[in-house]
Amino acid sequence: MRCPHCGSSRIIRAGKKRNKYVTKQGYRCKNCRRFFVERDGFENRTYPGEIIALVLHLYVEGLSLSKIREIVDQHHGYRPADSTILDWV
């Protein structure tokens, strides 16, 4: 892993970054001393990447927004708004 700011490989684990549903490991660069989390393609998202991927899969399969929300709520305990689902699509 490399620092996204300076490209250095001199990094250490440094706490965690949390939001409403997701906790990610934080890192600090020993070269530029900046804090960052590893990029996974779902930066600045409140919901876990697995939930977003599931919602996209169900949407492509042709399920309605209300049915998608029902499935995600029953099986995973998340209830994203219709507007949130449409933002992901």
PDB file of N, CA and C in Angstrom:
ATOM      1  N   MET A   1       0.843  -1.172   0.000  1.00  0.00           N
ATOM      2  CA  MET A   1       0.000   0.000   0.000  1.00  0.00           C
ATOM      3  C   MET A   1       0.889   1.236   0.000  1.00  0.00           C
ATOM      4  N   ARG A   2       0.426   2.260  -0.702  1.00  0.00           N
ATOM      5  CA  ARG A   2       1.175   3.512  -0.795  1.00  0.00           C
ATOM      6  C   ARG A   2       0.295   4.673  -0.366  1.00  0.00           C
ATOM      7  N   CYS A   3       0.938   5.716   0.106  1.00  0.00           N
ATOM      8  CA  CYS A   3       0.235   6.937   0.490  1.00  0.00           C
ATOM      9  C   CYS A   3      -0.354   7.579  -0.770  1.00  0.00           C
ATOM     10  N   PRO A   4      -1.664   7.895  -0.762  1.00  0.00           N
ATOM     11  CA  PRO A   4      -2.255   8.525  -1.943  1.00  0.00           C
ATOM     12  C   PRO A   4      -1.817   9.978  -2.128  1.00  0.00           C
ATOM     13  N   HIS A   5      -1.191  10.569  -1.109  1.00  0.00           N
ATOM     14  CA  HIS A   5      -0.785  11.968  -1.173  1.00  0.00           C
ATOM     15  C   HIS A   5       0.631  12.141  -1.718  1.00  0.00           C
ATOM     16  N   CYS A   6       1.569  11.301  -1.224  1.00  0.00           N
ATOM     17  CA  CYS A   6       2.964  11.479  -1.646  1.00  0.00           C
ATOM     18  C   CYS A   6       3.558  10.238  -2.316  1.00  0.00           C
ATOM     19  N   GLY A   7       2.848   9.103  -2.272  1.00  0.00           N
ATOM     20  CA  GLY A   7       3.329   7.893  -2.920  1.00  0.00           C
ATOM     21  C   GLY A   7       4.281   7.053  -2.089  1.00  0.00           C
ATOM     22  N   SER A   8       4.574   7.463  -0.870  1.00  0.00           N
ATOM     23  CA  SER A   8       5.499   6.732  -0.014  1.00  0.00           C
ATOM     24  C   SER A   8       4.891   5.405   0.433  1.00  0.00           C
ATOM     25  N   SER A   9       5.747   4.417   0.650  1.00  0.00           N
ATOM     26  CA  SER A   9       5.291   3.134   1.185  1.00  0.00           C
ATOM     27  C   SER A   9       5.524   3.057   2.694  1.00  0.00           C
ATOM     28  N   ARG A  10       5.985   4.132   3.290  1.00  0.00           N
ATOM     29  CA  ARG A  10       6.246   4.180   4.737  1.00  0.00           C
ATOM     30  C   ARG A  10       4.962   4.593   5.468  1.00  0.00           C
ATOM     31  N   ILE A  11       4.074   3.617   5.678  1.00  0.00           N
ATOM     32  CA  ILE A  11       2.804   3.917   6.328  1.00  0.00           C
ATOM     33  C   ILE A  11       2.611   3.047   7.564  1.00  0.00           C
ATOM     34  N   ILE A  12       1.815   3.545   8.497  1.00  0.00           N
ATOM     35  CA  ILE A  12       1.492   2.802   9.707  1.00  0.00           C
ATOM     36  C   ILE A  12      -0.016   2.864   9.931  1.00  0.00           C
ATOM     37  N   ARG A  13      -0.536   1.845  10.621  1.00  0.00           N
ATOM     38  CA  ARG A  13      -1.954   1.879  10.978  1.00  0.00           C
ATOM     39  C   ARG A  13      -2.157   2.967  12.019  1.00  0.00           C
ATOM     40  N   ALA A  14      -3.271   3.700  11.885  1.00  0.00           N
ATOM     41  CA  ALA A  14      -3.496   4.838  12.782  1.00  0.00           C
ATOM     42  C   ALA A  14      -4.990   5.060  12.993  1.00  0.00           C
ATOM     43  N   GLY A  15      -5.574   4.298  13.882  1.00  0.00           N
ATOM     44  CA  GLY A  15      -6.977   4.513  14.214  1.00  0.00           C
ATOM     45  C   GLY A  15      -7.926   4.015  13.144  1.00  0.00           C
ATOM     46  N   LYS A  16      -9.151   4.481  13.259  1.00  0.00           N
ATOM     47  CA  LYS A  16     -10.196   4.059  12.337  1.00  0.00           C
ATOM     48  C   LYS A  16     -11.035   5.257  11.943  1.00  0.00           C
ATOM     49  N   LYS A  17     -11.654   5.160  10.780  1.00  0.00           N
ATOM     50  CA  LYS A  17     -12.587   6.188  10.315  1.00  0.00           C
ATOM     51  C   LYS A  17     -13.975   5.557  10.324  1.00  0.00           C
ATOM     52  N   ARG A  18     -14.901   6.194  11.025  1.00  0.00           N
ATOM     53  CA  ARG A  18     -16.244   5.635  11.162  1.00  0.00           C
ATOM     54  C   ARG A  18     -17.282   6.581  10.591  1.00  0.00           C
ATOM     55  N   ASN A  19     -18.349   5.986  10.052  1.00  0.00           N
ATOM     56  CA  ASN A  19     -19.543   6.752   9.735  1.00  0.00           C
ATOM     57  C   ASN A  19     -20.727   5.974  10.286  1.00  0.00           C
ATOM     58  N   LYS A  20     -21.914   6.237   9.826  1.00  0.00           N
ATOM     59  CA  LYS A  20     -23.119   5.628  10.387  1.00  0.00           C
ATOM     60  C   LYS A  20     -23.087   4.101  10.352  1.00  0.00           C
ATOM     61  N   TYR A  21     -22.589   3.505   9.268  1.00  0.00           N
ATOM     62  CA  TYR A  21     -22.633   2.054   9.109  1.00  0.00           C
ATOM     63  C   TYR A  21     -21.281   1.388   8.898  1.00  0.00           C
ATOM     64  N   VAL A  22     -20.265   2.129   8.546  1.00  0.00           N
ATOM     65  CA  VAL A  22     -18.995   1.532   8.118  1.00  0.00           C
ATOM     66  C   VAL A  22     -17.841   2.029   8.983  1.00  0.00           C
ATOM     67  N   THR A  23     -16.948   1.110   9.342  1.00  0.00           N
ATOM     68  CA  THR A  23     -15.701   1.462  10.016  1.00  0.00           C
ATOM     69  C   THR A  23     -14.557   0.969   9.137  1.00  0.00           C
ATOM     70  N   LYS A  24     -13.638   1.870   8.807  1.00  0.00           N
ATOM     71  CA  LYS A  24     -12.497   1.514   7.964  1.00  0.00           C
ATOM     72  C   LYS A  24     -11.202   1.790   8.708  1.00  0.00           C
ATOM     73  N   GLN A  25     -10.211   0.950   8.459  1.00  0.00           N
ATOM     74  CA  GLN A  25      -8.894   1.124   9.058  1.00  0.00           C
ATOM     75  C   GLN A  25      -8.250   2.390   8.517  1.00  0.00           C
ATOM     76  N   GLY A  26      -7.709   3.197   9.418  1.00  0.00           N
ATOM     77  CA  GLY A  26      -7.004   4.402   9.012  1.00  0.00           C
ATOM     78  C   GLY A  26      -5.499   4.175   8.994  1.00  0.00           C
ATOM     79  N   TYR A  27      -4.803   4.961   8.200  1.00  0.00           N
ATOM     80  CA  TYR A  27      -3.351   4.865   8.076  1.00  0.00           C
ATOM     81  C   TYR A  27      -2.749   6.259   8.106  1.00  0.00           C
ATOM     82  N   ARG A  28      -1.493   6.333   8.543  1.00  0.00           N
ATOM     83  CA  ARG A  28      -0.767   7.594   8.524  1.00  0.00           C
ATOM     84  C   ARG A  28       0.549   7.367   7.796  1.00  0.00           C
ATOM     85  N   CYS A  29       0.860   8.290   6.912  1.00  0.00           N
ATOM     86  CA  CYS A  29       2.112   8.230   6.162  1.00  0.00           C
ATOM     87  C   CYS A  29       3.229   8.791   7.037  1.00  0.00           C
ATOM     88  N   LYS A  30       4.317   8.047   7.176  1.00  0.00           N
ATOM     89  CA  LYS A  30       5.450   8.521   7.974  1.00  0.00           C
ATOM     90  C   LYS A  30       6.263   9.571   7.225  1.00  0.00           C
ATOM     91  N   ASN A  31       6.051   9.679   5.931  1.00  0.00           N
ATOM     92  CA  ASN A  31       6.781  10.642   5.123  1.00  0.00           C
ATOM     93  C   ASN A  31       6.110  12.020   5.168  1.00  0.00           C
ATOM     94  N   CYS A  32       4.827  12.085   4.785  1.00  0.00           N
ATOM     95  CA  CYS A  32       4.127  13.380   4.754  1.00  0.00           C
ATOM     96  C   CYS A  32       3.210  13.578   5.961  1.00  0.00           C
ATOM     97  N   ARG A  33       3.070  12.554   6.807  1.00  0.00           N
ATOM     98  CA  ARG A  33       2.302  12.588   8.055  1.00  0.00           C
ATOM     99  C   ARG A  33       0.798  12.785   7.854  1.00  0.00           C
ATOM    100  N   ARG A  34       0.291  12.505   6.665  1.00  0.00           N
ATOM    101  CA  ARG A  34      -1.140  12.672   6.409  1.00  0.00           C
ATOM    102  C   ARG A  34      -1.899  11.382   6.687  1.00  0.00           C
ATOM    103  N   PHE A  35      -3.149  11.524   7.119  1.00  0.00           N
ATOM    104  CA  PHE A  35      -4.034  10.411   7.440  1.00  0.00           C
ATOM    105  C   PHE A  35      -4.859  10.052   6.202  1.00  0.00           C
ATOM    106  N   PHE A  36      -5.101   8.744   5.996  1.00  0.00           N
ATOM    107  CA  PHE A  36      -5.946   8.305   4.887  1.00  0.00           C
ATOM    108  C   PHE A  36      -6.498   6.924   5.188  1.00  0.00           C
ATOM    109  N   VAL A  37      -7.519   6.534   4.447  1.00  0.00           N
ATOM    110  CA  VAL A  37      -8.038   5.171   4.503  1.00  0.00           C
ATOM    111  C   VAL A  37      -7.830   4.549   3.132  1.00  0.00           C
ATOM    112  N   GLU A  38      -7.709   3.230   3.110  1.00  0.00           N
ATOM    113  CA  GLU A  38      -7.502   2.536   1.841  1.00  0.00           C
ATOM    114  C   GLU A  38      -8.730   2.712   0.952  1.00  0.00           C
ATOM    115  N   ARG A  39      -8.499   3.008  -0.301  1.00  0.00           N
ATOM    116  CA  ARG A  39      -9.602   3.227  -1.240  1.00  0.00           C
ATOM    117  C   ARG A  39     -10.152   1.886  -1.713  1.00  0.00           C
ATOM    118  N   ASP A  40     -11.496   1.790  -1.683  1.00  0.00           N
ATOM    119  CA  ASP A  40     -12.138   0.548  -2.094  1.00  0.00           C
ATOM    120  C   ASP A  40     -13.193   0.759  -3.176  1.00  0.00           C
ATOM    121  N   GLY A  41     -13.274   1.975  -3.716  1.00  0.00           N
ATOM    122  CA  GLY A  41     -14.262   2.267  -4.741  1.00  0.00           C
ATOM    123  C   GLY A  41     -15.568   2.801  -4.185  1.00  0.00           C
ATOM    124  N   PHE A  42     -15.719   2.784  -2.862  1.00  0.00           N
ATOM    125  CA  PHE A  42     -16.944   3.269  -2.234  1.00  0.00           C
ATOM    126  C   PHE A  42     -16.635   4.390  -1.254  1.00  0.00           C
ATOM    127  N   GLU A  43     -15.694   5.259  -1.612  1.00  0.00           N
ATOM    128  CA  GLU A  43     -15.335   6.370  -0.746  1.00  0.00           C
ATOM    129  C   GLU A  43     -16.519   7.322  -0.616  1.00  0.00           C
ATOM    130  N   ASN A  44     -16.615   7.953   0.522  1.00  0.00           N
ATOM    131  CA  ASN A  44     -17.660   8.947   0.807  1.00  0.00           C
ATOM    132  C   ASN A  44     -19.066   8.373   0.691  1.00  0.00           C
ATOM    133  N   ARG A  45     -19.204   7.099   0.935  1.00  0.00           N
ATOM    134  CA  ARG A  45     -20.518   6.456   0.941  1.00  0.00           C
ATOM    135  C   ARG A  45     -20.846   6.048   2.370  1.00  0.00           C
ATOM    136  N   THR A  46     -22.102   6.236   2.754  1.00  0.00           N
ATOM    137  CA  THR A  46     -22.533   5.888   4.104  1.00  0.00           C
ATOM    138  C   THR A  46     -22.708   4.390   4.260  1.00  0.00           C
ATOM    139  N   TYR A  47     -23.234   3.740   3.237  1.00  0.00           N
ATOM    140  CA  TYR A  47     -23.530   2.313   3.319  1.00  0.00           C
ATOM    141  C   TYR A  47     -22.322   1.480   2.891  1.00  0.00           C
ATOM    142  N   PRO A  48     -22.212   0.250   3.420  1.00  0.00           N
ATOM    143  CA  PRO A  48     -21.104  -0.631   3.020  1.00  0.00           C
ATOM    144  C   PRO A  48     -21.162  -0.957   1.526  1.00  0.00           C
ATOM    145  N   GLY A  49     -20.006  -1.178   0.947  1.00  0.00           N
ATOM    146  CA  GLY A  49     -19.915  -1.505  -0.470  1.00  0.00           C
ATOM    147  C   GLY A  49     -20.706  -2.745  -0.846  1.00  0.00           C
ATOM    148  N   GLU A  50     -20.773  -3.733   0.059  1.00  0.00           N
ATOM    149  CA  GLU A  50     -21.511  -4.963  -0.224  1.00  0.00           C
ATOM    150  C   GLU A  50     -23.001  -4.673  -0.406  1.00  0.00           C
ATOM    151  N   ILE A  51     -23.538  -3.747   0.379  1.00  0.00           N
ATOM    152  CA  ILE A  51     -24.952  -3.392   0.278  1.00  0.00           C
ATOM    153  C   ILE A  51     -25.211  -2.662  -1.040  1.00  0.00           C
ATOM    154  N   ILE A  52     -24.337  -1.747  -1.395  1.00  0.00           N
ATOM    155  CA  ILE A  52     -24.490  -1.016  -2.657  1.00  0.00           C
ATOM    156  C   ILE A  52     -24.433  -1.990  -3.836  1.00  0.00           C
ATOM    157  N   ALA A  53     -23.492  -2.930  -3.799  1.00  0.00           N
ATOM    158  CA  ALA A  53     -23.374  -3.921  -4.876  1.00  0.00           C
ATOM    159  C   ALA A  53     -24.626  -4.792  -4.955  1.00  0.00           C
ATOM    160  N   LEU A  54     -25.169  -5.191  -3.807  1.00  0.00           N
ATOM    161  CA  LEU A  54     -26.393  -5.992  -3.789  1.00  0.00           C
ATOM    162  C   LEU A  54     -27.556  -5.212  -4.388  1.00  0.00           C
ATOM    163  N   VAL A  55     -27.705  -3.954  -3.991  1.00  0.00           N
ATOM    164  CA  VAL A  55     -28.784  -3.117  -4.518  1.00  0.00           C
ATOM    165  C   VAL A  55     -28.661  -2.983  -6.036  1.00  0.00           C
ATOM    166  N   LEU A  56     -27.456  -2.757  -6.531  1.00  0.00           N
ATOM    167  CA  LEU A  56     -27.255  -2.638  -7.981  1.00  0.00           C
ATOM    168  C   LEU A  56     -27.617  -3.938  -8.698  1.00  0.00           C
ATOM    169  N   HIS A  57     -27.229  -5.060  -8.105  1.00  0.00           N
ATOM    170  CA  HIS A  57     -27.557  -6.363  -8.691  1.00  0.00           C
ATOM    171  C   HIS A  57     -29.075  -6.556  -8.758  1.00  0.00           C
ATOM    172  N   LEU A  58     -29.766  -6.262  -7.664  1.00  0.00           N
ATOM    173  CA  LEU A  58     -31.220  -6.424  -7.629  1.00  0.00           C
ATOM    174  C   LEU A  58     -31.907  -5.477  -8.613  1.00  0.00           C
ATOM    175  N   TYR A  59     -31.374  -4.277  -8.751  1.00  0.00           N
ATOM    176  CA  TYR A  59     -31.943  -3.301  -9.688  1.00  0.00           C
ATOM    177  C   TYR A  59     -31.801  -3.787 -11.131  1.00  0.00           C
ATOM    178  N   VAL A  60     -30.625  -4.318 -11.461  1.00  0.00           N
ATOM    179  CA  VAL A  60     -30.384  -4.837 -12.810  1.00  0.00           C
ATOM    180  C   VAL A  60     -31.292  -6.040 -13.088  1.00  0.00           C
ATOM    181  N   GLU A  61     -31.598  -6.811 -12.036  1.00  0.00           N
ATOM    182  CA  GLU A  61     -32.499  -7.956 -12.184  1.00  0.00           C
ATOM    183  C   GLU A  61     -33.944  -7.527 -12.422  1.00  0.00           C
ATOM    184  N   GLY A  62     -34.237  -6.228 -12.253  1.00  0.00           N
ATOM    185  CA  GLY A  62     -35.564  -5.717 -12.563  1.00  0.00           C
ATOM    186  C   GLY A  62     -36.493  -5.535 -11.377  1.00  0.00           C
ATOM    187  N   LEU A  63     -35.990  -5.650 -10.156  1.00  0.00           N
ATOM    188  CA  LEU A  63     -36.834  -5.470  -8.982  1.00  0.00           C
ATOM    189  C   LEU A  63     -37.162  -3.998  -8.773  1.00  0.00           C
ATOM    190  N   SER A  64     -38.332  -3.751  -8.198  1.00  0.00           N
ATOM    191  CA  SER A  64     -38.749  -2.381  -7.913  1.00  0.00           C
ATOM    192  C   SER A  64     -37.953  -1.834  -6.729  1.00  0.00           C
ATOM    193  N   LEU A  65     -37.952  -0.517  -6.592  1.00  0.00           N
ATOM    194  CA  LEU A  65     -37.226   0.102  -5.482  1.00  0.00           C
ATOM    195  C   LEU A  65     -37.776  -0.356  -4.141  1.00  0.00           C
ATOM    196  N   SER A  66     -39.098  -0.473  -4.026  1.00  0.00           N
ATOM    197  CA  SER A  66     -39.684  -0.904  -2.753  1.00  0.00           C
ATOM    198  C   SER A  66     -39.306  -2.350  -2.435  1.00  0.00           C
ATOM    199  N   LYS A  67     -39.261  -3.215  -3.442  1.00  0.00           N
ATOM    200  CA  LYS A  67     -38.871  -4.614  -3.226  1.00  0.00           C
ATOM    201  C   LYS A  67     -37.387  -4.700  -2.850  1.00  0.00           C
ATOM    202  N   ILE A  68     -36.554  -3.909  -3.498  1.00  0.00           N
ATOM    203  CA  ILE A  68     -35.124  -3.881  -3.159  1.00  0.00           C
ATOM    204  C   ILE A  68     -34.949  -3.460  -1.706  1.00  0.00           C
ATOM    205  N   ARG A  69     -35.638  -2.389  -1.311  1.00  0.00           N
ATOM    206  CA  ARG A  69     -35.535  -1.894   0.058  1.00  0.00           C
ATOM    207  C   ARG A  69     -36.002  -2.959   1.059  1.00  0.00           C
ATOM    208  N   GLU A  70     -37.082  -3.667   0.724  1.00  0.00           N
ATOM    209  CA  GLU A  70     -37.607  -4.717   1.595  1.00  0.00           C
ATOM    210  C   GLU A  70     -36.589  -5.851   1.773  1.00  0.00           C
ATOM    211  N   ILE A  71     -35.985  -6.299   0.683  1.00  0.00           N
ATOM    212  CA  ILE A  71     -35.000  -7.387   0.744  1.00  0.00           C
ATOM    213  C   ILE A  71     -33.780  -6.973   1.560  1.00  0.00           C
ATOM    214  N   VAL A  72     -33.258  -5.791   1.286  1.00  0.00           N
ATOM    215  CA  VAL A  72     -32.064  -5.319   1.996  1.00  0.00           C
ATOM    216  C   VAL A  72     -32.366  -5.145   3.486  1.00  0.00           C
ATOM    217  N   ASP A  73     -33.554  -4.657   3.816  1.00  0.00           N
ATOM    218  CA  ASP A  73     -33.943  -4.479   5.214  1.00  0.00           C
ATOM    219  C   ASP A  73     -34.080  -5.824   5.921  1.00  0.00           C
ATOM    220  N   GLN A  74     -34.776  -6.776   5.309  1.00  0.00           N
ATOM    221  CA  GLN A  74     -35.009  -8.079   5.931  1.00  0.00           C
ATOM    222  C   GLN A  74     -33.723  -8.865   6.141  1.00  0.00           C
ATOM    223  N   HIS A  75     -32.839  -8.849   5.163  1.00  0.00           N
ATOM    224  CA  HIS A  75     -31.656  -9.709   5.217  1.00  0.00           C
ATOM    225  C   HIS A  75     -30.414  -9.038   5.795  1.00  0.00           C
ATOM    226  N   HIS A  76     -30.363  -7.708   5.751  1.00  0.00           N
ATOM    227  CA  HIS A  76     -29.144  -7.024   6.176  1.00  0.00           C
ATOM    228  C   HIS A  76     -29.376  -5.910   7.187  1.00  0.00           C
ATOM    229  N   GLY A  77     -30.631  -5.522   7.402  1.00  0.00           N
ATOM    230  CA  GLY A  77     -30.935  -4.505   8.401  1.00  0.00           C
ATOM    231  C   GLY A  77     -30.700  -3.066   7.959  1.00  0.00           C
ATOM    232  N   TYR A  78     -30.545  -2.839   6.669  1.00  0.00           N
ATOM    233  CA  TYR A  78     -30.369  -1.485   6.139  1.00  0.00           C
ATOM    234  C   TYR A  78     -31.625  -1.096   5.374  1.00  0.00           C
ATOM    235  N   ARG A  79     -31.988   0.187   5.414  1.00  0.00           N
ATOM    236  CA  ARG A  79     -33.177   0.656   4.702  1.00  0.00           C
ATOM    237  C   ARG A  79     -32.859   1.955   3.959  1.00  0.00           C
ATOM    238  N   PRO A  80     -32.134   1.862   2.848  1.00  0.00           N
ATOM    239  CA  PRO A  80     -31.806   3.081   2.093  1.00  0.00           C
ATOM    240  C   PRO A  80     -33.047   3.681   1.443  1.00  0.00           C
ATOM    241  N   ALA A  81     -33.087   4.993   1.375  1.00  0.00           N
ATOM    242  CA  ALA A  81     -34.198   5.699   0.734  1.00  0.00           C
ATOM    243  C   ALA A  81     -34.164   5.471  -0.775  1.00  0.00           C
ATOM    244  N   ASP A  82     -35.320   5.650  -1.409  1.00  0.00           N
ATOM    245  CA  ASP A  82     -35.389   5.518  -2.869  1.00  0.00           C
ATOM    246  C   ASP A  82     -34.390   6.453  -3.548  1.00  0.00           C
ATOM    247  N   SER A  83     -34.278   7.670  -3.035  1.00  0.00           N
ATOM    248  CA  SER A  83     -33.348   8.637  -3.638  1.00  0.00           C
ATOM    249  C   SER A  83     -31.901   8.164  -3.521  1.00  0.00           C
ATOM    250  N   THR A  84     -31.571   7.485  -2.425  1.00  0.00           N
ATOM    251  CA  THR A  84     -30.217   6.948  -2.245  1.00  0.00           C
ATOM    252  C   THR A  84     -29.955   5.839  -3.258  1.00  0.00           C
ATOM    253  N   ILE A  85     -30.916   4.952  -3.407  1.00  0.00           N
ATOM    254  CA  ILE A  85     -30.778   3.859  -4.379  1.00  0.00           C
ATOM    255  C   ILE A  85     -30.602   4.429  -5.785  1.00  0.00           C
ATOM    256  N   LEU A  86     -31.391   5.428  -6.130  1.00  0.00           N
ATOM    257  CA  LEU A  86     -31.277   6.030  -7.463  1.00  0.00           C
ATOM    258  C   LEU A  86     -29.940   6.739  -7.653  1.00  0.00           C
ATOM    259  N   ASP A  87     -29.369   7.294  -6.585  1.00  0.00           N
ATOM    260  CA  ASP A  87     -28.026   7.888  -6.673  1.00  0.00           C
ATOM    261  C   ASP A  87     -26.984   6.830  -7.027  1.00  0.00           C
ATOM    262  N   TRP A  88     -27.146   5.617  -6.493  1.00  0.00           N
ATOM    263  CA  TRP A  88     -26.195   4.541  -6.761  1.00  0.00           C
ATOM    264  C   TRP A  88     -26.311   4.039  -8.191  1.00  0.00           C
ATOM    265  N   VAL A  89     -27.526   4.075  -8.727  1.00  0.00           N
ATOM    266  CA  VAL A  89     -27.766   3.573 -10.081  1.00  0.00           C
ATOM    267  C   VAL A  89     -27.282   4.618 -11.061  1.00  0.00           C
TER     268      VAL A  89
END
